[in-house]
Amino acid sequence: MMIDEIQKQCLELRGAYEEGLLGNQVMPEDTHPDFLNNESRLSYFTLPMSLNYQRNSYALWEAAKLAYEDMQTHAVFQVQNVTGMDADELRSLLTMYKVALQPNKHVDTWRRISTTITDEWGSIEGMLNELDYDFQKLQEAVQITHKKGFPYLSGPKIFHYWSYILGEYCDVVLKNREYIQIAPDTHVIKCSILLGILTEDEATLMPRDEISERWRDVLDGTGMSPIDMHSPLWFWSKNNFSYQLQK
């Protein structure tokens, strides 16, 4: 398929997504409470994200909402509180609603990220301010300078998706947003094959970062950043490609 035809189909999919034509379009992160303040919102969409590995995303965010709304467990969404919390207490609070499924690893991840943010910047909002709301500076801080302090969240797939979520759900306007890569998960891979961006063999053998770059090349000139296609592709695949592209 010619590149201009692929671009046309991508633009059509993006339009179909915006018009609600791709079927069920409820993202896991759509399950969230009303927030007390901006820092609570940032914590809510940051800390559970670090536990979103090989588990049901919808169940994770449902658990997070329950924990946030319960005053007994609400404190786990305040990084300063987590830093000074007894390990057994934190474990009890995070497992109460099954936000943490692994009582040691998940709890340690939650604590390490909270401690890193508190020690280095005081808060998530403080971190973003000091990094000038710049995606590239945030990337350097999380994936390089303080990588060990951001377990899982510093991984290439989840870091880029988290950066996208900050914009979608926290109204964070990041400079250099266009450098956020699309995360080639199962749904994106299926769509890539169907659109002719990847062959079956490439989908199996090509490194994930090269797949992300392939998407960047394909969208060049469309006015869309790669991450703008994440939700349209995710729902198109999730709903078994029920939406039919125009010929």
Protein backbone atom coordinates (compact mmCIF):
# COMPACT_ATOMS: atom_id res chain seq x y z
CA MET A 1 0.00 0.00 0.00
CA MET A 2 1.23 3.47 -0.89
CA ILE A 3 2.18 5.80 1.96
CA ASP A 4 -0.43 8.42 1.00
CA GLU A 5 -3.16 5.76 1.16
CA ILE A 6 -2.00 4.67 4.63
CA GLN A 7 -1.98 8.30 5.78
CA LYS A 8 -5.51 8.75 4.44
CA GLN A 9 -6.70 5.70 6.39
CA CYS A 10 -4.98 6.89 9.56
CA LEU A 11 -6.70 10.26 9.26
CA GLU A 12 -10.01 8.46 8.71
CA LEU A 13 -9.49 6.33 11.81
CA ARG A 14 -8.62 9.38 13.88
CA GLY A 15 -11.79 11.10 12.67
CA ALA A 16 -13.89 8.00 13.39
CA TYR A 17 -12.47 7.89 16.91
CA GLU A 18 -13.29 11.54 17.54
CA GLU A 19 -16.84 10.94 16.31
CA GLY A 20 -17.28 7.84 18.49
CA LEU A 21 -17.65 5.46 15.55
CA LEU A 22 -15.17 2.75 16.59
CA GLY A 23 -17.50 0.94 19.00
CA ASN A 24 -16.92 0.90 22.74
CA GLN A 25 -14.55 3.76 23.46
CA VAL A 26 -14.18 3.62 27.24
CA MET A 27 -10.51 3.69 28.20
CA PRO A 28 -9.40 1.99 31.45
CA GLU A 29 -8.24 5.40 32.72
CA ASP A 30 -11.75 6.81 32.22
CA THR A 31 -12.57 5.18 35.56
CA HIS A 32 -11.46 7.88 37.95
CA PRO A 33 -12.83 9.86 40.89
CA ASP A 34 -13.38 13.56 41.36
CA PHE A 35 -10.08 14.98 42.53
CA LEU A 36 -9.35 17.14 45.56
CA ASN A 37 -6.62 19.09 43.77
CA ASN A 38 -4.22 18.94 40.84
CA GLU A 39 -1.48 17.08 42.74
CA SER A 40 -3.95 14.34 43.66
CA ARG A 41 -4.91 14.01 40.01
CA LEU A 42 -1.26 13.73 38.97
CA SER A 43 -0.55 11.12 41.65
CA TYR A 44 -3.63 9.13 40.69
CA PHE A 45 -2.54 8.85 37.06
CA THR A 46 1.10 8.22 37.90
CA LEU A 47 1.43 5.70 40.74
CA PRO A 48 -1.07 3.03 39.55
CA MET A 49 0.45 3.31 36.06
CA SER A 50 3.67 1.89 37.49
CA LEU A 51 1.80 -1.31 38.43
CA ASN A 52 0.12 -1.77 35.06
CA TYR A 53 2.15 -4.73 33.82
CA GLN A 54 0.60 -8.01 32.66
CA ARG A 55 -2.71 -7.34 34.35
CA ASN A 56 -6.23 -6.24 33.48
CA SER A 57 -6.04 -2.46 33.06
CA TYR A 58 -9.76 -1.98 33.67
CA ALA A 59 -9.54 -3.87 36.97
CA LEU A 60 -6.48 -1.85 38.02
CA TRP A 61 -8.16 1.51 37.55
CA GLU A 62 -11.38 0.33 39.17
CA ALA A 63 -9.31 -0.70 42.20
CA ALA A 64 -7.46 2.63 42.18
CA LYS A 65 -10.74 4.55 42.18
CA LEU A 66 -12.03 2.56 45.17
CA ALA A 67 -8.78 3.18 47.06
CA TYR A 68 -8.79 6.88 46.26
CA GLU A 69 -12.38 7.37 47.42
CA ASP A 70 -11.91 5.47 50.69
CA MET A 71 -10.48 7.82 53.32
CA GLN A 72 -8.76 4.83 54.95
CA THR A 73 -6.64 4.22 51.83
CA HIS A 74 -6.63 7.69 50.23
CA ALA A 75 -3.23 8.58 51.71
CA VAL A 76 -1.40 6.24 49.30
CA PHE A 77 -2.05 8.79 46.55
CA GLN A 78 0.04 11.45 48.31
CA VAL A 79 3.73 10.86 47.58
CA GLN A 80 4.88 12.68 50.70
CA ASN A 81 2.72 10.45 52.91
CA VAL A 82 3.93 7.28 51.20
CA THR A 83 7.57 8.23 51.75
CA GLY A 84 7.16 8.28 55.52
CA MET A 85 4.76 5.37 55.77
CA ASP A 86 5.61 2.10 57.50
CA ALA A 87 6.13 -0.70 54.95
CA ASP A 88 3.53 -2.98 56.52
CA GLU A 89 0.97 -0.18 56.63
CA LEU A 90 1.58 0.71 52.98
CA ARG A 91 1.28 -2.97 52.02
CA SER A 92 -2.01 -3.26 53.87
CA LEU A 93 -3.46 -0.17 52.22
CA LEU A 94 -2.34 -1.03 48.68
CA THR A 95 -3.60 -4.61 48.84
CA MET A 96 -6.95 -3.75 50.47
CA TYR A 97 -8.62 -3.06 47.10
CA LYS A 98 -6.04 -5.01 45.09
CA VAL A 99 -4.31 -1.96 43.69
CA ALA A 100 -1.16 -3.95 44.44
CA LEU A 101 -1.35 -7.62 43.50
CA GLN A 102 2.25 -8.43 44.42
CA PRO A 103 2.62 -7.48 48.10
CA ASN A 104 6.38 -6.98 47.91
CA LYS A 105 7.31 -5.89 44.38
CA HIS A 106 4.31 -3.66 43.75
CA VAL A 107 4.53 -2.00 47.16
CA ASP A 108 8.27 -1.38 46.69
CA THR A 109 7.63 0.14 43.25
CA TRP A 110 4.97 2.50 44.67
CA ARG A 111 7.27 3.55 47.53
CA ARG A 112 10.40 4.04 45.38
CA ILE A 113 8.62 6.30 42.91
CA SER A 114 7.01 8.30 45.71
CA THR A 115 10.34 8.66 47.51
CA THR A 116 12.19 9.72 44.35
CA ILE A 117 9.63 12.39 43.55
CA THR A 118 9.49 13.66 47.15
CA ASP A 119 13.27 13.75 47.61
CA GLU A 120 14.09 15.32 44.25
CA TRP A 121 11.18 17.68 43.60
CA GLY A 122 8.77 17.59 46.54
CA SER A 123 5.75 16.73 44.39
CA ILE A 124 4.80 15.64 40.88
CA GLU A 125 3.71 19.17 40.05
CA GLY A 126 7.06 20.38 41.40
CA MET A 127 8.84 17.89 39.14
CA LEU A 128 6.98 19.07 36.04
CA ASN A 129 7.62 22.71 36.95
CA GLU A 130 11.34 22.19 37.46
CA LEU A 131 11.55 20.28 34.18
CA ASP A 132 9.79 23.18 32.44
CA TYR A 133 6.92 20.92 31.31
CA ASP A 134 9.25 19.66 28.62
CA PHE A 135 8.78 16.07 27.45
CA GLN A 136 12.44 15.66 26.56
CA LYS A 137 13.59 16.89 29.98
CA LEU A 138 11.04 14.62 31.65
CA GLN A 139 12.33 11.72 29.57
CA GLU A 140 15.91 12.38 30.59
CA ALA A 141 14.97 12.65 34.26
CA VAL A 142 12.82 9.51 34.41
CA GLN A 143 14.57 7.24 31.91
CA ILE A 144 18.21 8.25 32.50
CA THR A 145 19.12 10.41 35.51
CA HIS A 146 16.71 8.84 38.03
CA LYS A 147 15.84 5.64 36.18
CA LYS A 148 16.31 3.38 39.23
CA GLY A 149 13.90 5.58 41.14
CA PHE A 150 11.10 5.03 38.61
CA PRO A 151 10.71 1.23 38.34
CA TYR A 152 8.55 0.16 35.38
CA LEU A 153 7.42 3.77 34.80
CA SER A 154 10.82 4.40 33.20
CA GLY A 155 10.32 1.59 30.67
CA PRO A 156 10.03 2.81 27.06
CA LYS A 157 6.48 1.59 26.50
CA ILE A 158 4.88 2.77 29.72
CA PHE A 159 6.85 6.02 29.97
CA HIS A 160 5.58 7.26 26.62
CA TYR A 161 2.04 6.17 27.41
CA TRP A 162 2.18 7.83 30.84
CA SER A 163 3.36 11.07 29.20
CA TYR A 164 0.34 10.85 26.91
CA ILE A 165 -2.00 10.22 29.86
CA LEU A 166 -0.68 13.31 31.65
CA GLY A 167 -1.93 15.35 28.74
CA GLU A 168 -5.22 13.54 28.25
CA TYR A 169 -6.34 13.31 31.87
CA CYS A 170 -4.31 15.90 33.80
CA ASP A 171 -4.36 18.80 31.31
CA VAL A 172 -0.56 18.80 31.28
CA VAL A 173 0.65 20.61 28.16
CA LEU A 174 4.12 19.24 27.45
CA LYS A 175 6.60 21.02 25.23
CA ASN A 176 8.04 18.72 22.55
CA ARG A 177 4.97 16.49 22.81
CA GLU A 178 5.54 15.40 19.21
CA TYR A 179 8.41 13.20 20.41
CA ILE A 180 6.11 10.97 22.43
CA GLN A 181 6.26 7.59 20.70
CA ILE A 182 3.33 5.28 20.05
CA ALA A 183 3.57 2.14 22.19
CA PRO A 184 3.49 -0.93 19.90
CA ASP A 185 1.30 -3.16 22.05
CA THR A 186 -0.76 -6.08 20.73
CA HIS A 187 -3.52 -3.84 19.39
CA VAL A 188 -1.16 -1.43 17.63
CA ILE A 189 0.72 -4.34 16.06
CA LYS A 190 -2.50 -5.89 14.69
CA CYS A 191 -3.54 -2.56 13.21
CA SER A 192 -0.07 -1.98 11.76
CA ILE A 193 -0.30 -5.24 9.83
CA LEU A 194 -3.84 -4.55 8.63
CA LEU A 195 -2.91 -1.06 7.43
CA GLY A 196 0.15 -2.36 5.59
CA ILE A 197 2.66 -0.56 7.83
CA LEU A 198 4.19 -3.88 8.90
CA THR A 199 4.37 -7.32 7.38
CA GLU A 200 3.65 -10.39 9.52
CA ASP A 201 7.37 -11.14 9.70
CA GLU A 202 8.29 -7.58 10.64
CA ALA A 203 5.68 -7.60 13.40
CA THR A 204 7.41 -10.64 14.89
CA LEU A 205 11.05 -9.75 14.29
CA MET A 206 11.34 -5.97 14.27
CA PRO A 207 12.42 -4.32 17.57
CA ARG A 208 9.61 -2.35 19.16
CA ASP A 209 11.48 0.96 19.00
CA GLU A 210 11.86 0.51 15.23
CA ILE A 211 8.12 -0.11 14.93
CA SER A 212 7.53 3.16 16.77
CA GLU A 213 9.85 4.93 14.34
CA ARG A 214 8.03 3.34 11.39
CA TRP A 215 4.84 4.96 12.67
CA ARG A 216 6.58 8.32 13.01
CA ASP A 217 7.74 8.08 9.38
CA VAL A 218 4.27 7.09 8.17
CA LEU A 219 2.57 10.03 9.86
CA ASP A 220 5.12 12.60 8.69
CA GLY A 221 3.25 15.43 7.02
CA THR A 222 -0.18 14.54 8.42
CA GLY A 223 -0.07 16.99 11.33
CA MET A 224 -0.50 14.11 13.76
CA SER A 225 2.00 12.90 16.33
CA PRO A 226 2.40 9.11 16.64
CA ILE A 227 0.75 9.06 20.08
CA ASP A 228 -2.38 10.66 18.56
CA MET A 229 -3.09 7.31 16.89
CA HIS A 230 -2.88 5.26 20.09
CA SER A 231 -6.55 5.42 21.09
CA PRO A 232 -7.99 5.08 17.55
CA LEU A 233 -5.88 1.96 16.91
CA TRP A 234 -6.53 0.54 20.38
CA PHE A 235 -10.32 0.76 20.01
CA TRP A 236 -10.35 -0.32 16.37
CA SER A 237 -8.58 -3.54 17.34
CA LYS A 238 -10.36 -3.92 20.71
CA ASN A 239 -13.70 -3.84 18.89
CA ASN A 240 -12.56 -6.48 16.38
CA PHE A 241 -12.19 -4.01 13.49
CA SER A 242 -15.97 -3.56 13.27
CA TYR A 243 -15.43 -0.14 11.74
CA GLN A 244 -14.91 -0.54 8.00
CA LEU A 245 -12.45 1.79 6.33
CA GLN A 246 -13.63 3.48 3.18
CA LYS A 247 -12.18 2.00 0.01
